N, C-alpha and C. Protein backbone atom coordinates (compact mmCIF):
# COMPACT_ATOMS: atom_id res chain seq x y z
N UNK A 1 -9.56 24.22 -6.10
CA UNK A 1 -9.15 22.85 -6.37
C UNK A 1 -10.24 21.91 -5.86
N UNK A 2 -10.47 20.83 -6.59
CA UNK A 2 -11.44 19.82 -6.19
C UNK A 2 -11.05 19.19 -4.86
N UNK A 3 -12.04 18.80 -4.09
CA UNK A 3 -11.81 18.20 -2.78
C UNK A 3 -10.96 16.94 -2.87
N UNK A 4 -11.28 16.03 -3.79
CA UNK A 4 -10.51 14.79 -3.88
C UNK A 4 -9.05 15.06 -4.20
N UNK A 5 -8.79 16.00 -5.07
CA UNK A 5 -7.42 16.37 -5.43
C UNK A 5 -6.72 17.05 -4.25
N UNK A 6 -7.44 17.92 -3.54
CA UNK A 6 -6.86 18.61 -2.38
C UNK A 6 -6.41 17.60 -1.32
N UNK A 7 -7.26 16.61 -1.04
CA UNK A 7 -6.90 15.60 -0.05
C UNK A 7 -5.65 14.82 -0.46
N UNK A 8 -5.53 14.54 -1.74
CA UNK A 8 -4.36 13.80 -2.24
C UNK A 8 -3.11 14.68 -2.24
N UNK A 9 -3.20 15.90 -2.74
CA UNK A 9 -2.02 16.78 -2.84
C UNK A 9 -1.47 17.13 -1.46
N UNK A 10 -2.35 17.32 -0.48
CA UNK A 10 -1.89 17.66 0.87
C UNK A 10 -1.43 16.45 1.66
N UNK A 11 -1.69 15.25 1.14
CA UNK A 11 -1.27 14.04 1.83
C UNK A 11 -2.22 13.60 2.92
N UNK A 12 -3.38 14.24 3.03
CA UNK A 12 -4.36 13.82 4.03
C UNK A 12 -4.88 12.42 3.71
N UNK A 13 -5.04 12.12 2.43
CA UNK A 13 -5.32 10.77 1.94
C UNK A 13 -4.34 10.53 0.80
N UNK A 14 -3.66 9.41 0.81
CA UNK A 14 -2.51 9.23 -0.08
C UNK A 14 -2.81 9.06 -1.56
N UNK A 15 -3.98 8.52 -1.90
CA UNK A 15 -4.29 8.31 -3.32
C UNK A 15 -5.58 9.01 -3.69
N UNK A 16 -5.62 9.58 -4.88
CA UNK A 16 -6.80 10.32 -5.31
C UNK A 16 -8.01 9.41 -5.48
N UNK A 17 -7.79 8.21 -5.98
CA UNK A 17 -8.93 7.30 -6.15
C UNK A 17 -9.55 6.98 -4.80
N UNK A 18 -8.73 6.85 -3.78
CA UNK A 18 -9.22 6.57 -2.44
C UNK A 18 -9.96 7.78 -1.87
N UNK A 19 -9.44 8.98 -2.10
CA UNK A 19 -10.12 10.18 -1.61
C UNK A 19 -11.46 10.37 -2.33
N UNK A 20 -11.50 10.06 -3.61
CA UNK A 20 -12.75 10.15 -4.37
C UNK A 20 -13.79 9.19 -3.80
N UNK A 21 -13.38 7.96 -3.56
CA UNK A 21 -14.30 6.96 -3.03
C UNK A 21 -14.73 7.31 -1.60
N UNK A 22 -13.83 7.83 -0.78
CA UNK A 22 -14.19 8.24 0.58
C UNK A 22 -15.26 9.34 0.54
N UNK A 23 -15.12 10.28 -0.37
CA UNK A 23 -16.13 11.34 -0.54
C UNK A 23 -17.47 10.74 -0.96
N UNK A 24 -17.44 9.84 -1.91
CA UNK A 24 -18.68 9.22 -2.39
C UNK A 24 -19.40 8.43 -1.31
N UNK A 25 -18.64 7.87 -0.38
CA UNK A 25 -19.23 7.07 0.71
C UNK A 25 -19.65 7.94 1.89
N UNK A 26 -19.44 9.25 1.80
CA UNK A 26 -19.86 10.14 2.88
C UNK A 26 -18.90 10.23 4.04
N UNK A 27 -17.64 9.84 3.83
CA UNK A 27 -16.64 9.85 4.89
C UNK A 27 -15.90 11.18 4.98
N UNK A 28 -16.24 12.13 4.12
CA UNK A 28 -15.60 13.44 4.11
C UNK A 28 -16.69 14.51 4.13
N UNK A 29 -16.54 15.47 5.03
CA UNK A 29 -17.48 16.59 5.11
C UNK A 29 -16.71 17.89 4.95
N UNK A 30 -17.34 18.87 4.33
CA UNK A 30 -16.78 20.21 4.22
C UNK A 30 -17.80 21.15 4.85
N UNK A 31 -17.34 21.90 5.83
CA UNK A 31 -18.22 22.83 6.56
C UNK A 31 -19.47 22.12 7.08
N UNK A 32 -19.27 20.95 7.66
CA UNK A 32 -20.29 20.12 8.31
C UNK A 32 -21.33 19.54 7.36
N UNK A 33 -21.05 19.54 6.06
CA UNK A 33 -21.96 18.95 5.08
C UNK A 33 -21.20 17.88 4.29
N UNK A 34 -21.84 16.74 4.07
CA UNK A 34 -21.23 15.70 3.27
C UNK A 34 -20.89 16.28 1.90
N UNK A 35 -19.67 16.04 1.45
CA UNK A 35 -19.19 16.68 0.22
C UNK A 35 -18.88 15.68 -0.87
N UNK A 36 -19.19 16.07 -2.09
CA UNK A 36 -18.84 15.27 -3.26
C UNK A 36 -17.38 15.53 -3.60
N UNK A 37 -16.74 14.61 -4.33
CA UNK A 37 -15.33 14.80 -4.69
C UNK A 37 -15.09 16.04 -5.54
N UNK A 38 -16.12 16.53 -6.22
CA UNK A 38 -15.97 17.69 -7.10
C UNK A 38 -16.12 19.03 -6.37
N UNK A 39 -16.43 19.00 -5.08
CA UNK A 39 -16.59 20.23 -4.30
C UNK A 39 -15.31 21.05 -4.36
N UNK A 40 -15.43 22.33 -4.65
CA UNK A 40 -14.27 23.22 -4.68
C UNK A 40 -13.88 23.60 -3.26
N UNK A 41 -12.61 23.43 -2.94
CA UNK A 41 -12.09 23.76 -1.61
C UNK A 41 -11.58 25.20 -1.63
N UNK A 42 -12.00 25.97 -0.62
CA UNK A 42 -11.61 27.37 -0.52
C UNK A 42 -10.92 27.61 0.83
N UNK A 43 -10.14 28.67 0.91
CA UNK A 43 -9.50 29.04 2.17
C UNK A 43 -10.59 29.27 3.21
N UNK A 44 -10.37 28.76 4.41
CA UNK A 44 -11.33 28.90 5.50
C UNK A 44 -12.26 27.71 5.66
N UNK A 45 -12.32 26.82 4.67
CA UNK A 45 -13.18 25.64 4.77
C UNK A 45 -12.69 24.72 5.88
N UNK A 46 -13.64 24.06 6.52
CA UNK A 46 -13.35 23.07 7.55
C UNK A 46 -13.65 21.69 6.96
N UNK A 47 -12.63 20.82 6.90
CA UNK A 47 -12.78 19.49 6.31
C UNK A 47 -12.69 18.44 7.42
N UNK A 48 -13.71 17.57 7.49
CA UNK A 48 -13.71 16.45 8.43
C UNK A 48 -13.54 15.16 7.64
N UNK A 49 -12.60 14.32 8.07
CA UNK A 49 -12.33 13.05 7.39
C UNK A 49 -12.44 11.94 8.42
N UNK A 50 -13.24 10.93 8.12
CA UNK A 50 -13.41 9.79 9.00
C UNK A 50 -12.55 8.65 8.46
N UNK A 51 -11.38 8.46 9.07
CA UNK A 51 -10.44 7.42 8.67
C UNK A 51 -10.74 6.14 9.44
N UNK A 52 -9.93 5.12 9.23
CA UNK A 52 -10.19 3.81 9.83
C UNK A 52 -10.24 3.85 11.35
N UNK A 53 -9.31 4.52 11.98
CA UNK A 53 -9.26 4.51 13.44
C UNK A 53 -9.21 5.91 14.04
N UNK A 54 -9.49 6.91 13.22
CA UNK A 54 -9.47 8.27 13.76
C UNK A 54 -10.32 9.22 12.94
N UNK A 55 -10.68 10.30 13.60
CA UNK A 55 -11.42 11.37 12.94
C UNK A 55 -10.48 12.57 12.88
N UNK A 56 -10.34 13.11 11.69
CA UNK A 56 -9.42 14.22 11.47
C UNK A 56 -10.19 15.42 10.96
N UNK A 57 -9.98 16.58 11.59
CA UNK A 57 -10.61 17.82 11.15
C UNK A 57 -9.50 18.83 10.88
N UNK A 58 -9.52 19.42 9.69
CA UNK A 58 -8.51 20.41 9.32
C UNK A 58 -9.19 21.68 8.79
N UNK A 59 -8.51 22.80 8.95
CA UNK A 59 -8.97 24.06 8.37
C UNK A 59 -8.04 24.40 7.22
N UNK A 60 -8.61 24.73 6.07
CA UNK A 60 -7.84 25.11 4.89
C UNK A 60 -7.34 26.53 5.09
N UNK A 61 -6.03 26.72 5.03
CA UNK A 61 -5.44 28.04 5.23
C UNK A 61 -5.34 28.83 3.93
N UNK A 62 -5.02 28.13 2.85
CA UNK A 62 -4.94 28.78 1.55
C UNK A 62 -5.17 27.76 0.45
N UNK A 63 -5.59 28.26 -0.68
CA UNK A 63 -5.85 27.39 -1.82
C UNK A 63 -4.55 26.92 -2.45
N UNK A 64 -4.61 25.78 -3.11
CA UNK A 64 -3.45 25.21 -3.80
C UNK A 64 -3.66 25.40 -5.29
N UNK A 65 -2.61 25.87 -5.97
CA UNK A 65 -2.73 26.13 -7.41
C UNK A 65 -1.78 25.27 -8.23
N UNK A 66 -1.24 24.21 -7.63
CA UNK A 66 -0.35 23.31 -8.37
C UNK A 66 -0.79 21.87 -8.14
N UNK A 67 -0.21 20.94 -8.88
CA UNK A 67 -0.59 19.54 -8.78
C UNK A 67 0.19 18.76 -7.74
N UNK A 68 1.14 19.41 -7.08
CA UNK A 68 1.90 18.73 -6.05
C UNK A 68 2.42 19.74 -5.04
N UNK A 69 2.75 19.24 -3.85
CA UNK A 69 3.31 20.05 -2.79
C UNK A 69 4.46 19.28 -2.15
N UNK A 70 5.51 19.97 -1.82
CA UNK A 70 6.57 19.34 -1.05
C UNK A 70 6.04 19.11 0.35
N UNK A 71 6.45 18.00 0.96
CA UNK A 71 5.98 17.66 2.30
C UNK A 71 6.22 18.81 3.29
N UNK A 72 7.33 19.47 3.19
CA UNK A 72 7.68 20.54 4.11
C UNK A 72 6.74 21.74 4.00
N UNK A 73 6.08 21.91 2.85
CA UNK A 73 5.19 23.05 2.64
C UNK A 73 3.75 22.78 3.04
N UNK A 74 3.39 21.53 3.28
CA UNK A 74 2.01 21.18 3.59
C UNK A 74 1.41 21.97 4.76
N UNK A 75 2.16 22.20 5.84
CA UNK A 75 1.56 22.95 6.97
C UNK A 75 1.15 24.39 6.62
N UNK A 76 1.62 24.91 5.52
CA UNK A 76 1.22 26.25 5.10
C UNK A 76 -0.18 26.26 4.48
N UNK A 77 -0.70 25.10 4.13
CA UNK A 77 -1.96 25.01 3.41
C UNK A 77 -3.14 24.52 4.26
N UNK A 78 -2.85 23.88 5.39
CA UNK A 78 -3.93 23.47 6.30
C UNK A 78 -3.39 23.37 7.71
N UNK A 79 -4.31 23.47 8.67
CA UNK A 79 -3.94 23.28 10.06
C UNK A 79 -4.88 22.23 10.66
N UNK A 80 -4.34 21.37 11.50
CA UNK A 80 -5.13 20.32 12.12
C UNK A 80 -5.88 20.90 13.31
N UNK A 81 -7.18 20.78 13.28
CA UNK A 81 -8.03 21.26 14.37
C UNK A 81 -8.28 20.13 15.36
N UNK A 82 -8.53 18.93 14.85
CA UNK A 82 -8.86 17.78 15.69
C UNK A 82 -8.29 16.52 15.06
N UNK A 83 -7.63 15.71 15.88
CA UNK A 83 -7.12 14.42 15.45
C UNK A 83 -7.41 13.46 16.60
N UNK A 84 -8.52 12.76 16.49
CA UNK A 84 -9.04 11.98 17.61
C UNK A 84 -9.20 10.51 17.23
N UNK A 85 -8.74 9.63 18.11
CA UNK A 85 -8.92 8.19 17.89
C UNK A 85 -10.39 7.86 18.10
N UNK A 86 -10.91 6.97 17.23
CA UNK A 86 -12.31 6.56 17.34
C UNK A 86 -12.43 5.06 17.18
N UNK A 87 -13.54 4.52 17.67
CA UNK A 87 -13.92 3.14 17.37
C UNK A 87 -14.83 3.24 16.17
N UNK A 88 -14.34 2.79 15.04
CA UNK A 88 -15.10 3.01 13.81
C UNK A 88 -16.18 1.95 13.61
N UNK A 89 -17.28 2.38 12.98
CA UNK A 89 -18.34 1.44 12.62
C UNK A 89 -17.82 0.41 11.61
N UNK A 90 -18.51 -0.70 11.50
CA UNK A 90 -18.08 -1.79 10.64
C UNK A 90 -17.92 -1.37 9.19
N UNK A 91 -18.83 -0.53 8.67
CA UNK A 91 -18.73 -0.13 7.26
C UNK A 91 -17.48 0.72 7.00
N UNK A 92 -17.07 1.52 7.99
CA UNK A 92 -15.83 2.29 7.86
C UNK A 92 -14.63 1.35 7.86
N UNK A 93 -14.63 0.42 8.81
CA UNK A 93 -13.51 -0.52 8.91
C UNK A 93 -13.37 -1.33 7.63
N UNK A 94 -14.51 -1.75 7.07
CA UNK A 94 -14.47 -2.54 5.83
C UNK A 94 -13.88 -1.73 4.68
N UNK A 95 -14.31 -0.48 4.54
CA UNK A 95 -13.82 0.36 3.45
C UNK A 95 -12.31 0.56 3.55
N UNK A 96 -11.83 0.98 4.71
CA UNK A 96 -10.40 1.25 4.85
C UNK A 96 -9.58 -0.04 4.80
N UNK A 97 -10.13 -1.16 5.27
CA UNK A 97 -9.41 -2.43 5.24
C UNK A 97 -9.17 -2.88 3.80
N UNK A 98 -10.10 -2.59 2.92
CA UNK A 98 -9.94 -2.95 1.50
C UNK A 98 -8.83 -2.15 0.85
N UNK A 99 -8.47 -1.04 1.43
CA UNK A 99 -7.46 -0.14 0.86
C UNK A 99 -6.28 -0.01 1.81
N UNK A 100 -5.82 -1.13 2.33
CA UNK A 100 -4.81 -1.25 3.35
C UNK A 100 -3.43 -0.79 2.93
N UNK A 101 -3.23 0.48 2.71
CA UNK A 101 -1.88 0.97 2.42
C UNK A 101 -1.50 2.05 3.42
N UNK A 102 -2.08 1.95 4.60
CA UNK A 102 -1.80 2.90 5.68
C UNK A 102 -2.03 4.34 5.21
N UNK A 103 -3.22 4.61 4.72
CA UNK A 103 -3.57 5.94 4.21
C UNK A 103 -3.86 6.94 5.31
N UNK A 104 -3.62 6.56 6.52
CA UNK A 104 -3.79 7.52 7.61
C UNK A 104 -2.54 8.28 7.70
């Protein structure tokens, strides 16, 4: 599954357009490399997401083969490795402020 779709389906970022734009701006890394929205996500991948006020790192446990997931099933597909509050740089704050729908 594409990275932007994976982020949206798992609820890590609430809207696909926002996850696509976050990838394009370099706010998402897969296995410590900046990733494009088209990057295929595989089991075992480590995804780092730089949100407005926190840095989130998750490990992909298994691939998703559907277009949606029930909230209760999400923990079966990824595990949170790091969820740390950060003081974000101005460009990060500006990006997330423009998309103020509490996507964290």
